[in-house]
Protein backbone atom coordinates (compact mmCIF):
# COMPACT_ATOMS: atom_id res chain seq x y z
CA MET A 1 0.00 0.00 0.00
CA THR A 2 1.27 3.47 -0.92
CA ARG A 3 1.25 6.01 1.91
CA LEU A 4 0.70 9.47 0.45
CA LEU A 5 1.05 12.65 2.50
CA MET A 6 -1.12 15.36 0.92
CA SER A 7 -1.30 18.96 2.13
CA LEU A 8 -4.53 20.95 2.10
CA ASP A 9 -6.30 23.92 3.67
CA ALA A 10 -9.85 24.54 4.82
CA VAL A 11 -10.46 27.98 3.29
CA GLY A 12 -10.30 27.48 -0.48
CA GLY A 13 -10.96 25.14 -3.37
CA VAL A 14 -8.00 22.95 -2.40
CA TRP A 15 -10.18 21.37 0.29
CA ARG A 16 -12.64 19.90 -2.24
CA TYR A 17 -9.81 18.93 -4.62
CA ALA A 18 -7.85 17.09 -1.92
CA LEU A 19 -10.79 15.17 -0.48
CA ASP A 20 -12.09 14.10 -3.89
CA LEU A 21 -8.64 13.00 -5.03
CA ALA A 22 -8.02 11.17 -1.74
CA GLN A 23 -11.29 9.33 -2.18
CA GLY A 24 -10.33 8.29 -5.71
CA LEU A 25 -6.84 7.17 -4.70
CA ARG A 26 -8.19 4.96 -1.92
CA ALA A 27 -9.57 2.65 -4.60
CA ARG A 28 -5.98 2.21 -5.84
CA ASP A 29 -4.72 0.86 -2.53
CA CYS A 30 -3.38 4.25 -1.43
CA GLN A 31 -3.59 5.48 2.14
CA VAL A 32 -3.82 9.28 2.23
CA ILE A 33 -2.61 11.32 5.18
CA LEU A 34 -4.12 14.82 4.96
CA ALA A 35 -1.83 17.48 6.40
CA GLY A 36 -3.78 20.69 7.03
CA PHE A 37 -2.34 24.20 7.22
CA GLY A 38 -3.88 27.56 8.01
CA PRO A 39 -7.22 28.20 9.76
CA ARG A 40 -8.60 25.07 11.33
CA PRO A 41 -11.53 23.21 9.74
CA THR A 42 -15.04 23.19 11.10
CA ALA A 43 -16.32 20.08 12.84
CA ALA A 44 -18.25 19.16 9.69
CA GLN A 45 -15.13 19.57 7.54
CA ARG A 46 -13.11 17.46 9.95
CA ASP A 47 -15.68 14.67 9.78
CA GLU A 48 -15.67 14.85 5.99
CA ALA A 49 -11.88 14.61 5.82
CA GLU A 50 -11.61 11.77 8.30
CA ALA A 51 -14.02 9.75 6.18
CA VAL A 52 -11.43 9.55 3.39
CA GLY A 53 -8.06 9.65 5.17
CA VAL A 54 -6.07 10.41 8.28
CA LEU A 55 -6.30 14.12 9.12
CA GLU A 56 -3.47 15.93 10.92
CA TRP A 57 -3.63 19.70 11.43
CA CYS A 58 -0.41 21.70 11.62
CA ASP A 59 0.22 24.99 13.38
CA ALA A 60 1.98 26.65 10.43
CA PRO A 61 0.03 29.19 8.31
CA LEU A 62 -0.64 29.40 4.57
CA ASP A 63 1.86 31.38 2.51
CA TRP A 64 -0.73 33.80 1.07
CA MET A 65 -1.93 34.73 4.57
CA VAL A 66 1.41 35.97 5.95
CA SER A 67 3.62 38.96 5.24
CA ASP A 68 7.07 37.36 5.09
CA ALA A 69 8.84 34.06 4.64
CA ASP A 70 9.93 33.91 8.28
CA ALA A 71 6.33 33.16 9.29
CA LEU A 72 6.62 29.89 7.34
CA ARG A 73 9.86 28.67 8.90
CA ASP A 74 8.12 25.74 10.66
CA VAL A 75 6.48 24.35 7.50
CA PRO A 76 9.37 22.04 6.45
CA ARG A 77 9.76 20.73 9.99
CA GLU A 78 6.05 19.97 10.38
CA ILE A 79 5.83 18.20 7.02
CA ALA A 80 8.94 16.16 7.81
CA ALA A 81 7.54 15.18 11.21
CA LEU A 82 4.28 13.96 9.69
CA ALA A 83 6.08 12.11 6.90
CA ARG A 84 8.20 10.34 9.50
CA LYS A 85 5.24 9.62 11.80
CA HIS A 86 3.15 8.03 9.05
CA ARG A 87 6.05 6.50 7.11
CA ALA A 88 4.99 8.28 3.95
CA ASP A 89 6.21 7.06 0.58
CA LEU A 90 5.35 10.20 -1.36
CA LEU A 91 4.49 13.89 -0.83
CA HIS A 92 1.68 15.61 -2.75
CA LEU A 93 1.85 19.29 -1.79
CA ASN A 94 -0.96 21.61 -2.84
CA LEU A 95 1.07 24.77 -2.23
CA PRO A 96 4.35 24.58 -4.20
CA GLY A 97 6.15 26.75 -1.65
CA GLN A 98 5.68 23.93 0.88
CA ALA A 99 8.28 21.92 -1.06
CA ALA A 100 10.94 24.57 -0.43
CA GLY A 101 13.45 23.74 2.27
CA LEU A 102 12.36 20.13 2.71
CA ASP A 103 15.21 17.79 3.50
CA LEU A 104 13.42 14.48 2.97
CA ASP A 105 14.47 11.55 0.85
CA LEU A 106 10.96 11.32 -0.66
CA PRO A 107 9.53 12.04 -4.11
CA ILE A 108 7.59 15.33 -4.19
CA ILE A 109 4.69 16.43 -6.41
CA ALA A 110 3.90 20.15 -6.17
CA VAL A 111 0.49 21.25 -7.47
CA SER A 112 -0.13 24.90 -8.29
CA HIS A 113 -3.82 25.68 -7.82
CA SER A 114 -3.04 29.41 -7.97
CA CYS A 115 -0.19 31.75 -7.08
CA VAL A 116 0.17 35.41 -6.23
CA ALA A 117 2.42 36.16 -9.21
CA THR A 118 -0.07 34.87 -11.78
CA TRP A 119 -2.93 36.50 -9.83
CA PHE A 120 -1.25 39.91 -9.98
CA ALA A 121 -0.55 39.48 -13.70
CA ALA A 122 -4.17 38.61 -14.48
CA VAL A 123 -5.98 40.92 -12.05
CA LYS A 124 -3.68 43.92 -11.70
CA GLY A 125 -1.82 43.60 -15.00
CA CYS A 126 1.54 43.97 -13.30
CA ALA A 127 4.37 42.09 -11.65
CA LEU A 128 4.44 41.40 -7.94
CA PRO A 129 5.09 44.47 -5.77
CA PRO A 130 8.50 44.52 -4.06
CA ASP A 131 7.10 43.50 -0.68
CA TRP A 132 5.58 40.38 -2.28
CA GLN A 133 8.72 39.25 -4.10
CA TRP A 134 9.56 36.79 -1.35
CA GLN A 135 6.47 34.82 -2.45
CA ALA A 136 7.88 34.43 -5.97
CA ARG A 137 11.21 33.23 -4.57
CA LEU A 138 9.45 30.71 -2.32
CA ILE A 139 7.30 29.35 -5.15
CA ARG A 140 10.31 29.10 -7.46
CA ALA A 141 12.22 27.17 -4.79
CA GLY A 142 9.26 24.81 -4.44
CA PHE A 143 9.14 24.16 -8.18
CA ASP A 144 12.87 23.44 -8.22
CA ALA A 145 12.60 21.01 -5.28
CA ALA A 146 9.73 19.00 -6.79
CA ASP A 147 10.05 15.84 -8.83
CA ALA A 148 6.91 16.84 -10.74
CA VAL A 149 4.91 20.07 -10.95
CA VAL A 150 1.22 19.97 -11.86
CA ALA A 151 -1.14 22.69 -13.06
CA PRO A 152 -4.92 22.22 -13.47
CA SER A 153 -5.04 23.77 -16.97
CA ARG A 154 -2.66 24.57 -19.81
CA ALA A 155 -3.58 28.24 -19.41
CA HIS A 156 -2.38 28.22 -15.80
CA ALA A 157 0.76 26.28 -16.73
CA ASP A 158 1.56 28.90 -19.37
CA ALA A 159 0.95 31.72 -16.87
CA LEU A 160 3.32 30.04 -14.39
CA THR A 161 6.13 29.90 -16.94
CA VAL A 162 5.59 33.55 -17.91
CA CYS A 163 5.82 34.65 -14.28
CA HIS A 164 8.40 32.19 -12.93
CA GLY A 165 10.41 31.09 -15.95
CA ALA A 166 10.80 27.58 -17.34
CA ILE A 167 9.64 24.85 -14.94
CA ASP A 168 11.09 21.36 -15.29
CA ARG A 169 8.68 18.43 -15.27
CA LEU A 170 5.59 20.69 -15.53
CA GLN A 171 2.46 18.72 -16.45
CA VAL A 172 -1.24 19.50 -16.80
CA VAL A 173 -3.90 17.45 -15.02
CA HIS A 174 -7.37 18.92 -15.20
CA ASN A 175 -9.26 19.19 -11.96
CA ALA A 176 -12.41 17.12 -11.57
CA SER A 177 -15.95 17.67 -10.41
CA THR A 178 -17.70 15.00 -8.39
CA ALA A 179 -20.94 16.99 -8.34
CA PRO A 180 -24.00 14.88 -9.19
CA ASP A 181 -24.43 14.31 -12.91
CA ARG A 182 -28.08 15.25 -13.04
CA ARG A 183 -30.55 17.53 -14.76
CA LEU A 184 -32.79 19.39 -12.32
CA PRO A 185 -35.89 21.40 -13.19
CA SER A 186 -34.40 24.84 -13.80
CA ARG A 187 -35.59 27.98 -12.05
CA PRO A 188 -35.65 31.46 -13.63
CA ILE A 189 -32.58 32.64 -11.76
CA VAL A 190 -28.96 33.34 -12.64
CA ALA A 191 -26.50 31.70 -10.24
CA ALA A 192 -22.85 32.39 -9.50
CA ALA A 193 -20.50 31.11 -6.82
CA GLY A 194 -17.10 32.18 -5.54
CA ARG A 195 -15.03 33.89 -2.88
CA TRP A 196 -16.38 37.29 -3.87
CA TRP A 197 -13.98 39.28 -1.68
CA ASP A 198 -11.22 38.14 -4.05
CA GLU A 199 -10.80 40.76 -6.79
CA GLY A 200 -9.98 37.96 -9.20
CA LYS A 201 -13.60 36.74 -9.00
CA ASP A 202 -14.79 40.21 -10.15
CA ALA A 203 -17.98 40.48 -8.12
CA ALA A 204 -18.29 44.14 -9.12
CA THR A 205 -18.93 43.43 -12.80
CA LEU A 206 -21.57 40.81 -12.10
CA ASP A 207 -23.25 43.06 -9.53
CA LEU A 208 -23.45 45.90 -12.07
CA ALA A 209 -24.78 43.54 -14.73
CA ALA A 210 -27.45 42.26 -12.32
CA ALA A 211 -29.21 45.62 -12.55
CA ARG A 212 -29.79 44.95 -16.29
CA ILE A 213 -30.54 41.22 -16.19
CA ALA A 214 -34.17 40.13 -16.50
CA TRP A 215 -33.89 37.34 -13.91
CA PRO A 216 -32.70 37.61 -10.30
CA VAL A 217 -28.95 37.09 -9.90
CA ARG A 218 -27.91 35.11 -6.81
CA MET A 219 -24.27 35.11 -5.77
CA ALA A 220 -23.25 32.36 -3.34
CA GLY A 221 -20.08 32.72 -1.30
CA PRO A 222 -18.36 35.02 1.18
CA THR A 223 -18.09 38.75 0.51
CA SER A 224 -15.43 39.31 3.18
CA GLY A 225 -12.16 37.47 3.69
CA ASP A 226 -9.77 36.74 6.55
CA ASN A 227 -7.33 39.18 4.91
CA GLY A 228 -9.71 42.11 5.45
CA ALA A 229 -10.89 42.32 1.83
CA ARG A 230 -14.59 43.03 1.35
CA VAL A 231 -17.02 43.66 -1.49
CA GLU A 232 -20.51 45.16 -1.30
CA LEU A 233 -23.32 43.93 -3.56
CA ARG A 234 -26.01 46.44 -4.53
CA HIS A 235 -28.00 44.72 -7.28
CA ALA A 236 -27.40 40.97 -6.99
CA GLU A 237 -28.83 38.84 -4.19
CA GLU A 238 -26.14 37.85 -1.69
CA THR A 239 -26.59 34.39 -0.17
CA GLY A 240 -23.42 34.51 1.92
CA PRO A 241 -21.32 31.39 2.47
CA LEU A 242 -23.27 28.17 1.98
CA PRO A 243 -22.34 24.56 2.75
CA HIS A 244 -21.16 22.80 -0.39
CA ARG A 245 -24.45 20.99 -0.84
CA GLY A 246 -26.30 24.31 -0.62
CA THR A 247 -24.08 25.87 -3.28
CA LEU A 248 -24.59 22.83 -5.50
CA ALA A 249 -28.36 23.02 -5.10
CA LEU A 250 -28.33 26.69 -6.14
CA VAL A 251 -25.92 26.25 -9.05
CA GLN A 252 -27.38 23.04 -10.46
CA GLY A 253 -30.97 24.25 -10.16
CA ALA A 254 -30.40 27.61 -11.87
CA GLY A 255 -31.53 28.51 -15.36
CA ILE A 256 -28.12 30.06 -16.15
CA PHE A 257 -24.70 30.00 -14.48
CA VAL A 258 -22.29 32.94 -14.74
CA SER A 259 -18.62 33.35 -13.89
CA PRO A 260 -17.13 36.85 -14.37
CA SER A 261 -13.67 35.85 -13.12
CA LEU A 262 -10.51 37.62 -14.21
CA TYR A 263 -8.35 34.82 -12.78
CA GLU A 264 -9.15 31.12 -12.68
CA PRO A 265 -6.57 28.34 -12.85
CA PHE A 266 -9.50 25.93 -13.38
CA GLY A 267 -12.92 27.06 -12.06
CA LEU A 268 -14.62 24.17 -10.28
CA ALA A 269 -18.02 25.87 -9.91
CA VAL A 270 -18.31 26.04 -13.70
CA ALA A 271 -17.80 22.28 -13.98
CA GLU A 272 -20.37 21.69 -11.24
CA ALA A 273 -22.97 23.71 -13.14
CA ALA A 274 -22.10 21.98 -16.41
CA ARG A 275 -22.64 18.53 -14.92
CA ALA A 276 -26.29 19.56 -14.45
CA ALA A 277 -26.52 20.87 -18.04
CA VAL A 278 -26.89 24.46 -16.85
CA PRO A 279 -25.99 26.87 -19.69
CA LEU A 280 -22.81 28.85 -19.03
CA VAL A 281 -21.92 32.51 -19.49
CA LEU A 282 -18.21 33.01 -18.86
CA SER A 283 -15.63 35.76 -18.97
CA ASP A 284 -13.36 35.37 -21.97
CA ILE A 285 -10.15 34.46 -20.15
CA PRO A 286 -7.60 31.87 -21.34
CA THR A 287 -8.62 29.17 -18.85
CA TYR A 288 -12.28 29.29 -19.78
CA ARG A 289 -11.53 29.33 -23.50
CA GLU A 290 -9.32 26.28 -23.08
CA LEU A 291 -11.87 24.30 -21.08
CA TRP A 292 -15.24 25.49 -22.39
CA ASP A 293 -14.81 26.89 -25.91
CA GLY A 294 -17.83 25.78 -27.95
CA ALA A 295 -19.82 24.97 -24.80
CA ALA A 296 -20.54 28.44 -23.35
CA LEU A 297 -21.28 32.06 -24.21
CA PHE A 298 -18.32 34.36 -23.57
CA PHE A 299 -18.14 38.06 -22.80
CA PRO A 300 -15.18 40.46 -22.49
CA PRO A 301 -13.86 40.59 -18.91
CA LEU A 302 -14.91 43.65 -16.88
CA ASP A 303 -17.73 44.48 -19.37
CA ALA A 304 -20.97 44.53 -17.37
CA ALA A 305 -23.07 45.56 -20.36
CA ALA A 306 -21.79 42.68 -22.49
CA LEU A 307 -22.35 40.25 -19.61
CA ALA A 308 -25.94 41.43 -19.16
CA ALA A 309 -26.56 41.20 -22.91
CA ALA A 310 -25.27 37.61 -23.07
CA VAL A 311 -27.42 36.52 -20.12
CA ASN A 312 -30.52 38.27 -21.46
CA ARG A 313 -29.96 36.62 -24.84
CA LEU A 314 -30.18 33.25 -23.13
CA ILE A 315 -33.18 34.26 -21.06
CA ALA A 316 -35.03 35.21 -24.25
CA ASP A 317 -34.10 32.00 -26.10
CA PRO A 318 -35.07 28.77 -24.28
CA ALA A 319 -33.90 26.63 -27.21
CA LEU A 320 -30.43 28.18 -27.03
CA ARG A 321 -30.35 27.49 -23.30
CA VAL A 322 -31.05 23.82 -23.97
CA ARG A 323 -28.38 23.59 -26.69
CA LEU A 324 -25.73 25.28 -24.56
CA GLY A 325 -26.67 23.26 -21.50
CA ASP A 326 -26.30 20.04 -23.47
CA ALA A 327 -22.93 21.18 -24.83
CA ALA A 328 -21.70 22.06 -21.34
CA HIS A 329 -22.87 18.69 -20.02
CA ARG A 330 -20.96 16.82 -22.73
CA ARG A 331 -17.82 18.86 -22.09
CA ALA A 332 -17.98 18.31 -18.32
CA ALA A 333 -17.55 14.58 -18.89
CA ARG A 334 -13.89 15.29 -19.69
CA TYR A 335 -13.31 16.56 -16.16
CA SER A 336 -14.17 13.39 -14.25
CA LEU A 337 -12.61 12.11 -11.07
CA ALA A 338 -11.65 8.88 -12.84
CA ALA A 339 -9.63 10.81 -15.43
CA GLN A 340 -7.97 12.93 -12.76
CA VAL A 341 -7.10 9.94 -10.57
CA ASP A 342 -5.66 8.03 -13.54
CA ALA A 343 -3.45 10.99 -14.48
CA MET A 344 -2.28 11.71 -10.93
CA ALA A 345 -1.63 8.05 -10.17
CA ALA A 346 0.54 7.85 -13.29
CA ILE A 347 2.54 10.86 -12.09
CA HIS A 348 2.88 9.35 -8.62
CA ASP A 349 4.13 6.07 -10.12
CA GLY A 350 6.50 7.94 -12.43
CA VAL A 351 8.23 9.98 -9.73
CA ARG A 352 8.55 6.95 -7.48
CA ALA A 353 10.14 4.98 -10.31
CA ARG A 354 12.64 7.78 -10.98
CA ARG A 355 13.35 8.42 -7.31
CA PRO A 356 12.54 5.44 -5.09
CA ALA A 357 11.43 6.62 -1.67
CA GLY A 358 13.45 6.16 1.45
CA MET A 359 12.57 7.38 4.89
CA GLU A 360 15.80 8.93 6.00
CA VAL A 361 15.53 12.62 6.93
CA ARG A 362 18.86 14.13 6.03
């Protein structure tokens, strides 16, 4: 049996990714030890995680929640201690910077779900400010320490190389949705989901568009973050944070799903809507073009008028909604857990073959 140590956090999309992947790997005789960092999970999250693997929570923070590298000095020690405790064969780290400074004789896979350098490039149109440069150095060190680096889309992989330079052993494995594959009776609402306090999700454009859209627009997710960021909605209906099943019910029961994001390495909520054949209206960013071209309506990022026009076009044309919903449903089949597990298991096997694991901490 392979013993895989996988890092995760409880505040972002990595949580869903890690638990789904852990569940899929269990069927391949893999024991997953989940190493949590950052704010602690809720009791419900803890129960969910312990149903698929061993959960250990560390005291060290997440890199994007601190102001300097010194705050992360305990990360290598905590990972090494857990690897030793559970006799891990392999590390699967969902923040590449966590691979930096590790002195373990173990193969390492570093997965980039997002990074501050690519976020700044997409959202602000600029390089990292000087006081954030330590983040770029940390991420680069993590890439260099890893035996394989994984991105969830080709668009994100390309953005990583633009911001960080050439990355050896960089591969693309699409994320997966395990949302129910079902078609629900649709309601005359427009749904959207995200961490709306994040500028990269562009709540402002959707909120402005909501004033011109014929159906109610409901935005699920938090409007304030632990980092102090906040957004105010004036025209859309704010649901606030919902449990995952509540978000799924809203998204999969909507007549139309919208994502106005400026920055998405993958965009799991889009795949969840598509699995229910909900027609998609998406910002025209590289990730969405890569994943959903031919299966969605696109609008120019930051253009509230164009967004409203695209949504109203769908509202006025039920036949087009059906055609686009069917196209989205067919496309979503590509992003299955089985495909993701197959690809990740092949990477795990490959790095172990190239660098057989030992358990000596140097």
